[in-house]
N, C-alpha and C. Protein backbone atom coordinates (compact mmCIF):
# COMPACT_ATOMS: atom_id res chain seq x y z
N MET A 1 66.87 96.05 99.13
CA MET A 1 68.06 96.90 99.39
C MET A 1 69.18 96.10 99.77
N THR A 2 70.38 96.33 99.18
CA THR A 2 71.53 95.53 99.44
C THR A 2 72.38 96.15 100.64
N ALA A 3 73.05 95.21 101.32
CA ALA A 3 73.87 95.68 102.49
C ALA A 3 75.02 96.49 101.96
N PRO A 4 75.57 97.44 102.69
CA PRO A 4 76.67 98.20 102.28
C PRO A 4 77.88 97.24 102.15
N LYS A 5 78.80 97.62 101.26
CA LYS A 5 80.00 96.80 101.10
C LYS A 5 80.88 96.97 102.41
N PRO A 6 81.44 95.81 102.75
CA PRO A 6 82.33 95.85 104.08
C PRO A 6 83.52 96.72 103.79
N ILE A 7 84.12 97.27 104.89
CA ILE A 7 85.36 97.97 104.84
C ILE A 7 86.47 96.95 104.64
N ARG A 8 87.19 97.01 103.62
CA ARG A 8 88.29 96.12 103.32
C ARG A 8 89.58 96.53 103.94
N ILE A 9 90.14 95.66 104.79
CA ILE A 9 91.29 96.13 105.60
C ILE A 9 92.57 95.28 105.41
N LEU A 10 93.72 95.96 105.30
CA LEU A 10 94.97 95.34 105.21
C LEU A 10 95.75 95.63 106.49
N ILE A 11 96.32 94.57 107.12
CA ILE A 11 97.06 94.72 108.38
C ILE A 11 98.56 94.55 107.99
N ALA A 12 99.32 95.54 108.41
CA ALA A 12 100.78 95.47 108.26
C ALA A 12 101.50 95.64 109.62
N ASP A 13 101.98 94.47 110.12
CA ASP A 13 102.67 94.45 111.36
C ASP A 13 103.55 93.23 111.43
N ASP A 14 104.78 93.39 111.95
CA ASP A 14 105.74 92.30 111.97
C ASP A 14 105.54 91.28 113.13
N HIS A 15 104.62 91.56 114.03
CA HIS A 15 104.38 90.59 115.11
C HIS A 15 103.14 89.78 114.87
N PRO A 16 103.30 88.43 114.78
CA PRO A 16 102.13 87.61 114.49
C PRO A 16 101.01 87.68 115.50
N ILE A 17 101.35 87.87 116.75
CA ILE A 17 100.33 87.95 117.81
C ILE A 17 99.48 89.19 117.64
N VAL A 18 100.08 90.31 117.17
CA VAL A 18 99.36 91.55 116.93
C VAL A 18 98.45 91.32 115.72
N ARG A 19 99.05 90.79 114.65
CA ARG A 19 98.15 90.54 113.50
C ARG A 19 97.02 89.59 113.78
N ARG A 20 97.22 88.63 114.65
CA ARG A 20 96.21 87.67 115.03
C ARG A 20 95.07 88.38 115.84
N GLY A 21 95.47 89.24 116.73
CA GLY A 21 94.50 90.06 117.55
C GLY A 21 93.70 90.93 116.64
N PHE A 22 94.35 91.66 115.72
CA PHE A 22 93.62 92.57 114.87
C PHE A 22 92.64 91.80 113.96
N THR A 23 93.09 90.64 113.47
CA THR A 23 92.29 89.73 112.64
C THR A 23 91.01 89.31 113.39
N HIS A 24 91.17 88.91 114.61
CA HIS A 24 90.02 88.45 115.45
C HIS A 24 89.07 89.60 115.58
N LEU A 25 89.52 90.84 115.92
CA LEU A 25 88.67 91.95 116.07
C LEU A 25 87.88 92.26 114.80
N ILE A 26 88.64 92.29 113.73
CA ILE A 26 88.03 92.69 112.40
C ILE A 26 86.99 91.62 111.97
N ASN A 27 87.38 90.33 112.13
CA ASN A 27 86.43 89.30 111.70
C ASN A 27 85.09 89.25 112.52
N ALA A 28 85.26 89.68 113.84
CA ALA A 28 84.01 89.73 114.66
C ALA A 28 83.18 90.92 114.49
N ARG A 29 83.63 91.88 113.72
CA ARG A 29 82.92 93.12 113.52
C ARG A 29 82.09 93.07 112.16
N PRO A 30 80.75 93.16 112.21
CA PRO A 30 80.01 93.15 110.94
C PRO A 30 80.44 94.41 110.20
N GLY A 31 80.49 94.31 108.87
CA GLY A 31 80.78 95.41 108.02
C GLY A 31 82.29 95.65 107.86
N MET A 32 83.12 94.73 108.35
CA MET A 32 84.56 94.80 108.10
C MET A 32 85.05 93.45 107.61
N GLU A 33 86.10 93.59 106.72
CA GLU A 33 86.59 92.34 106.12
C GLU A 33 88.14 92.47 105.96
N LEU A 34 88.87 91.48 106.52
CA LEU A 34 90.26 91.44 106.33
C LEU A 34 90.59 90.90 105.01
N VAL A 35 91.40 91.66 104.19
CA VAL A 35 91.70 91.27 102.84
C VAL A 35 93.20 90.83 102.74
N GLY A 36 93.96 91.13 103.71
CA GLY A 36 95.32 90.73 103.64
C GLY A 36 96.20 91.12 104.88
N GLU A 37 97.33 90.50 104.95
CA GLU A 37 98.28 90.79 106.02
C GLU A 37 99.68 90.96 105.38
N ALA A 38 100.48 91.81 105.98
CA ALA A 38 101.81 92.05 105.55
C ALA A 38 102.76 91.95 106.79
N VAL A 39 103.93 91.36 106.64
CA VAL A 39 104.83 91.23 107.79
C VAL A 39 105.93 92.28 107.80
N ASP A 40 106.01 93.08 106.82
CA ASP A 40 106.96 94.25 106.82
C ASP A 40 106.51 95.28 105.88
N GLY A 41 107.27 96.33 105.85
CA GLY A 41 106.86 97.48 104.94
C GLY A 41 106.87 97.18 103.54
N PHE A 42 107.81 96.42 103.10
CA PHE A 42 107.96 96.00 101.70
C PHE A 42 106.74 95.22 101.23
N GLU A 43 106.34 94.31 102.01
CA GLU A 43 105.08 93.50 101.72
C GLU A 43 103.86 94.37 101.85
N ALA A 44 103.82 95.34 102.77
CA ALA A 44 102.70 96.31 102.86
C ALA A 44 102.51 97.11 101.57
N VAL A 45 103.56 97.60 100.98
CA VAL A 45 103.50 98.33 99.78
C VAL A 45 102.95 97.40 98.61
N GLU A 46 103.53 96.26 98.54
CA GLU A 46 103.03 95.30 97.42
C GLU A 46 101.54 94.96 97.68
N LYS A 47 101.16 94.58 98.90
CA LYS A 47 99.77 94.17 99.05
C LYS A 47 98.79 95.33 98.91
N ALA A 48 99.15 96.57 99.29
CA ALA A 48 98.40 97.75 99.15
C ALA A 48 98.12 97.94 97.64
N ARG A 49 99.14 97.70 96.87
CA ARG A 49 99.07 97.94 95.39
C ARG A 49 98.17 96.80 94.74
N LEU A 50 98.28 95.62 95.23
CA LEU A 50 97.50 94.46 94.63
C LEU A 50 96.10 94.46 95.13
N LEU A 51 95.88 94.69 96.46
CA LEU A 51 94.57 94.47 97.07
C LEU A 51 93.67 95.70 97.11
N ARG A 52 94.28 96.84 97.00
CA ARG A 52 93.56 98.10 97.04
C ARG A 52 92.54 98.14 98.28
N PRO A 53 93.04 97.91 99.53
CA PRO A 53 92.16 97.94 100.64
C PRO A 53 91.58 99.26 100.84
N ASP A 54 90.50 99.34 101.57
CA ASP A 54 89.86 100.63 102.00
C ASP A 54 90.68 101.29 103.13
N VAL A 55 91.19 100.46 104.01
CA VAL A 55 91.98 101.01 105.18
C VAL A 55 93.16 100.10 105.42
N ILE A 56 94.31 100.76 105.70
CA ILE A 56 95.52 99.99 105.93
C ILE A 56 95.90 100.29 107.43
N LEU A 57 96.01 99.25 108.22
CA LEU A 57 96.53 99.35 109.61
C LEU A 57 98.02 99.19 109.46
N LEU A 58 98.82 100.15 109.81
CA LEU A 58 100.27 100.16 109.59
C LEU A 58 101.09 100.37 110.81
N ASP A 59 101.93 99.37 111.18
CA ASP A 59 102.90 99.66 112.27
C ASP A 59 104.04 100.41 111.62
N LEU A 60 104.79 101.14 112.49
CA LEU A 60 105.93 101.95 111.95
C LEU A 60 107.22 101.28 112.07
N VAL A 61 107.38 100.40 113.00
CA VAL A 61 108.70 99.67 113.16
C VAL A 61 108.59 98.24 112.73
N MET A 62 109.12 98.10 111.45
CA MET A 62 109.04 96.72 110.80
C MET A 62 110.41 96.53 110.21
N PRO A 63 110.67 95.27 109.89
CA PRO A 63 111.93 94.91 109.13
C PRO A 63 111.88 95.19 107.63
N ARG A 64 112.99 95.19 107.02
CA ARG A 64 113.14 95.39 105.57
C ARG A 64 112.80 96.78 105.13
N MET A 65 111.64 97.28 105.46
CA MET A 65 111.25 98.62 105.12
C MET A 65 110.30 99.04 106.30
N ASP A 66 110.70 100.19 106.94
CA ASP A 66 109.91 100.63 108.05
C ASP A 66 108.55 101.14 107.56
N GLY A 67 107.68 101.37 108.52
CA GLY A 67 106.28 101.80 108.21
C GLY A 67 106.19 103.21 107.59
N LEU A 68 107.11 104.10 108.02
CA LEU A 68 107.09 105.43 107.41
C LEU A 68 107.46 105.42 105.92
N GLU A 69 108.46 104.65 105.68
CA GLU A 69 108.84 104.53 104.18
C GLU A 69 107.72 103.87 103.40
N ALA A 70 107.13 102.85 104.00
CA ALA A 70 105.99 102.20 103.35
C ALA A 70 104.85 103.12 103.20
N LEU A 71 104.53 103.96 104.24
CA LEU A 71 103.43 104.91 104.17
C LEU A 71 103.70 105.96 102.95
N ASN A 72 104.91 106.39 102.83
CA ASN A 72 105.23 107.30 101.71
C ASN A 72 105.05 106.61 100.39
N LYS A 73 105.53 105.46 100.26
CA LYS A 73 105.44 104.78 98.98
C LYS A 73 104.00 104.44 98.61
N ILE A 74 103.21 104.01 99.60
CA ILE A 74 101.81 103.73 99.34
C ILE A 74 101.12 105.01 98.85
N LYS A 75 101.33 106.13 99.58
CA LYS A 75 100.75 107.39 99.23
C LYS A 75 101.13 107.94 97.83
N GLN A 76 102.42 107.67 97.52
CA GLN A 76 102.89 108.06 96.13
C GLN A 76 102.11 107.36 95.12
N GLU A 77 101.87 106.02 95.31
CA GLU A 77 101.21 105.20 94.35
C GLU A 77 99.69 105.48 94.36
N ASN A 78 99.14 105.72 95.54
CA ASN A 78 97.76 105.88 95.73
C ASN A 78 97.47 107.04 96.67
N PRO A 79 97.41 108.26 96.24
CA PRO A 79 97.26 109.38 97.16
C PRO A 79 95.93 109.31 97.99
N ASP A 80 94.99 108.50 97.51
CA ASP A 80 93.69 108.36 98.26
C ASP A 80 93.79 107.26 99.31
N ALA A 81 94.87 106.57 99.42
CA ALA A 81 94.94 105.48 100.45
C ALA A 81 94.65 106.01 101.84
N ARG A 82 93.87 105.30 102.55
CA ARG A 82 93.54 105.64 103.90
C ARG A 82 94.30 104.79 104.90
N ILE A 83 95.20 105.49 105.58
CA ILE A 83 96.21 104.72 106.44
C ILE A 83 95.98 105.12 107.84
N LEU A 84 95.85 104.08 108.71
CA LEU A 84 95.82 104.29 110.13
C LEU A 84 97.10 103.62 110.79
N VAL A 85 97.90 104.52 111.26
CA VAL A 85 99.08 103.96 111.99
C VAL A 85 98.71 103.48 113.32
N ILE A 86 99.16 102.30 113.68
CA ILE A 86 99.01 101.74 115.04
C ILE A 86 100.28 101.19 115.45
N THR A 87 100.85 101.84 116.51
CA THR A 87 102.20 101.48 116.88
C THR A 87 102.39 101.67 118.42
N SER A 88 103.53 101.37 118.85
CA SER A 88 103.85 101.51 120.27
C SER A 88 104.62 102.83 120.54
N PHE A 89 104.86 103.62 119.53
CA PHE A 89 105.76 104.67 119.57
C PHE A 89 105.06 106.01 119.45
N ALA A 90 105.20 106.92 120.47
CA ALA A 90 104.58 108.23 120.45
C ALA A 90 105.69 109.32 120.32
N ALA A 91 106.86 108.92 120.06
CA ALA A 91 107.93 109.92 119.85
C ALA A 91 107.71 110.87 118.69
N ASP A 92 108.12 112.14 118.87
CA ASP A 92 107.85 113.15 117.79
C ASP A 92 108.44 112.72 116.45
N ASP A 93 109.59 112.02 116.54
CA ASP A 93 110.22 111.57 115.22
C ASP A 93 109.43 110.49 114.48
N LYS A 94 108.45 109.98 115.09
CA LYS A 94 107.58 109.02 114.49
C LYS A 94 106.20 109.65 114.10
N VAL A 95 105.68 110.40 115.12
CA VAL A 95 104.40 110.98 114.99
C VAL A 95 104.30 112.03 113.81
N PHE A 96 105.15 113.02 113.87
CA PHE A 96 104.97 114.11 112.91
C PHE A 96 105.29 113.71 111.51
N PRO A 97 106.36 112.95 111.24
CA PRO A 97 106.52 112.43 109.86
C PRO A 97 105.33 111.62 109.30
N ALA A 98 104.81 110.79 110.14
CA ALA A 98 103.63 109.94 109.68
C ALA A 98 102.40 110.75 109.36
N ILE A 99 102.15 111.73 110.18
CA ILE A 99 101.02 112.63 109.91
C ILE A 99 101.27 113.47 108.58
N LYS A 100 102.49 113.98 108.51
CA LYS A 100 102.86 114.78 107.30
C LYS A 100 102.82 113.97 106.07
N ALA A 101 103.11 112.65 106.18
CA ALA A 101 103.14 111.78 104.99
C ALA A 101 101.69 111.43 104.59
N GLY A 102 100.74 111.70 105.38
CA GLY A 102 99.35 111.46 104.93
C GLY A 102 98.57 110.39 105.82
N ALA A 103 99.11 109.97 106.93
CA ALA A 103 98.25 109.06 107.72
C ALA A 103 97.05 109.86 108.27
N LEU A 104 95.88 109.26 108.18
CA LEU A 104 94.67 109.87 108.63
C LEU A 104 94.51 109.63 110.14
N GLY A 105 95.14 108.58 110.61
CA GLY A 105 95.01 108.23 112.01
C GLY A 105 96.32 107.78 112.61
N TYR A 106 96.44 107.98 113.94
CA TYR A 106 97.61 107.55 114.59
C TYR A 106 97.21 107.01 116.04
N LEU A 107 97.25 105.76 116.23
CA LEU A 107 96.83 105.18 117.54
C LEU A 107 98.09 104.47 118.13
N LEU A 108 98.00 104.41 119.43
CA LEU A 108 99.02 103.62 120.15
C LEU A 108 98.38 102.21 120.44
N LYS A 109 99.29 101.23 120.61
CA LYS A 109 98.75 99.89 120.75
C LYS A 109 98.14 99.63 122.13
N ASP A 110 98.07 100.65 122.99
CA ASP A 110 97.28 100.48 124.24
C ASP A 110 95.83 100.91 124.03
N THR A 111 95.50 101.28 122.78
CA THR A 111 94.10 101.65 122.43
C THR A 111 93.12 100.48 122.67
N SER A 112 91.92 100.77 123.17
CA SER A 112 90.95 99.71 123.38
C SER A 112 90.52 99.12 122.04
N PRO A 113 90.08 97.80 122.09
CA PRO A 113 89.52 97.27 120.83
C PRO A 113 88.41 98.07 120.19
N GLU A 114 87.50 98.57 121.05
CA GLU A 114 86.39 99.36 120.46
C GLU A 114 86.87 100.69 119.79
N ALA A 115 87.84 101.31 120.44
CA ALA A 115 88.48 102.52 119.80
C ALA A 115 89.15 102.26 118.57
N LEU A 116 89.85 101.10 118.50
CA LEU A 116 90.46 100.72 117.24
C LEU A 116 89.37 100.60 116.08
N LEU A 117 88.34 99.78 116.38
CA LEU A 117 87.33 99.56 115.38
C LEU A 117 86.62 100.89 114.99
N GLN A 118 86.45 101.76 115.92
CA GLN A 118 85.84 103.08 115.62
C GLN A 118 86.84 103.91 114.70
N ALA A 119 88.06 103.81 115.03
CA ALA A 119 89.18 104.56 114.26
C ALA A 119 89.14 104.01 112.82
N ILE A 120 88.99 102.67 112.63
CA ILE A 120 88.92 102.15 111.32
C ILE A 120 87.71 102.74 110.52
N GLU A 121 86.65 102.76 111.18
CA GLU A 121 85.39 103.35 110.51
C GLU A 121 85.55 104.84 110.23
N ASP A 122 86.27 105.55 111.17
CA ASP A 122 86.46 106.96 110.99
C ASP A 122 87.40 107.19 109.79
N VAL A 123 88.50 106.51 109.76
CA VAL A 123 89.55 106.63 108.66
C VAL A 123 88.86 106.27 107.33
N HIS A 124 88.13 105.21 107.29
CA HIS A 124 87.38 104.79 106.15
C HIS A 124 86.50 105.90 105.54
N ALA A 125 85.90 106.68 106.49
CA ALA A 125 84.95 107.76 106.15
C ALA A 125 85.73 109.04 105.84
N GLY A 126 87.08 109.05 105.89
CA GLY A 126 87.89 110.18 105.68
C GLY A 126 88.13 111.11 106.81
N ARG A 127 87.74 110.61 108.02
CA ARG A 127 87.92 111.46 109.21
C ARG A 127 89.19 110.99 109.92
N SER A 128 89.83 111.93 110.62
CA SER A 128 91.02 111.63 111.29
C SER A 128 90.68 110.95 112.65
N SER A 129 91.61 110.11 113.16
CA SER A 129 91.46 109.54 114.44
C SER A 129 92.83 109.49 115.07
N LEU A 130 92.88 110.14 116.25
CA LEU A 130 94.19 110.28 116.97
C LEU A 130 94.07 109.81 118.40
N HIS A 131 95.05 109.08 118.87
CA HIS A 131 95.13 108.68 120.27
C HIS A 131 95.20 110.01 121.02
N PRO A 132 94.63 110.06 122.24
CA PRO A 132 94.69 111.44 122.99
C PRO A 132 96.14 111.90 123.13
N ILE A 133 97.11 111.02 123.44
CA ILE A 133 98.49 111.54 123.60
C ILE A 133 98.96 112.15 122.33
N ILE A 134 98.65 111.55 121.18
CA ILE A 134 99.08 112.10 119.88
C ILE A 134 98.40 113.38 119.56
N ALA A 135 97.07 113.50 119.89
CA ALA A 135 96.36 114.79 119.68
C ALA A 135 96.97 115.89 120.43
N ARG A 136 97.36 115.61 121.78
CA ARG A 136 98.00 116.66 122.62
C ARG A 136 99.32 117.05 121.97
N LYS A 137 100.09 116.10 121.49
CA LYS A 137 101.40 116.48 120.88
C LYS A 137 101.15 117.34 119.66
N LEU A 138 100.22 117.00 118.82
CA LEU A 138 99.98 117.88 117.63
C LEU A 138 99.42 119.21 118.01
N LEU A 139 98.61 119.33 119.00
CA LEU A 139 98.00 120.55 119.43
C LEU A 139 99.13 121.38 120.09
N GLY A 140 99.99 120.82 120.83
CA GLY A 140 101.19 121.44 121.44
C GLY A 140 102.10 122.08 120.37
N SER A 141 102.32 121.21 119.39
CA SER A 141 103.22 121.68 118.27
C SER A 141 102.67 122.82 117.57
N LEU A 142 101.33 122.78 117.31
CA LEU A 142 100.70 123.93 116.54
C LEU A 142 100.69 125.09 117.42
N ALA A 143 100.50 125.01 118.72
CA ALA A 143 100.49 126.17 119.58
C ALA A 143 101.90 126.76 119.67
N THR A 144 102.95 125.94 119.73
CA THR A 144 104.31 126.39 119.69
C THR A 144 104.64 127.14 118.40
N CYS A 145 104.19 126.52 117.22
CA CYS A 145 104.41 127.17 115.97
C CYS A 145 103.75 128.56 115.84
N ARG A 146 102.52 128.57 116.37
CA ARG A 146 101.71 129.88 116.43
C ARG A 146 102.45 130.92 117.23
N THR A 147 102.90 130.56 118.44
CA THR A 147 103.60 131.45 119.27
C THR A 147 104.87 131.97 118.55
N CYS A 148 105.65 131.03 117.91
CA CYS A 148 106.84 131.48 117.20
C CYS A 148 106.45 132.48 116.03
N ARG A 149 105.39 132.29 115.31
CA ARG A 149 105.00 133.13 114.27
C ARG A 149 104.57 134.50 114.85
N LEU A 150 103.89 134.49 115.97
CA LEU A 150 103.48 135.75 116.56
C LEU A 150 104.66 136.61 116.97
N ARG A 151 105.69 135.90 117.59
CA ARG A 151 106.93 136.62 117.87
C ARG A 151 107.67 137.23 116.72
N GLN A 152 107.69 136.49 115.66
CA GLN A 152 108.28 136.87 114.41
C GLN A 152 107.66 138.12 113.80
N ASN A 153 106.30 138.22 113.98
CA ASN A 153 105.56 139.30 113.35
C ASN A 153 105.53 140.59 114.18
N ARG A 154 106.14 140.56 115.30
CA ARG A 154 106.23 141.76 116.21
C ARG A 154 107.25 142.72 115.70
């Protein structure tokens, strides 16, 4: 019996120390393989096209092309791309557009290493993975939308 193929991962973040940390975690985890790194959104789109990774770890604030624009371009070219946003920003103007654009996961950079590795596995399997703060924001937004609809239907 052959071993399952490793999860192929692309990291897109403009901070070398963050990329190095992610690389260390991924390389230490059996069943995961780092296939590339991108330093900005433009490079993320190009490497996603060339490497066809299983999971893309994507920061939202990067030079030349931000992560949201990169996410949209990647999903246009490959609707099945599995993208896990990992960023420092929990503001609504970042969270909601990223989720609407097709990110399967959204983590903050204060996430534990084990939670990040689990999120990579979840996103690879097609499951969503949300930081608790992000999950509360989304649930709050849905509850607000539901309340608005109920009022409109009266």
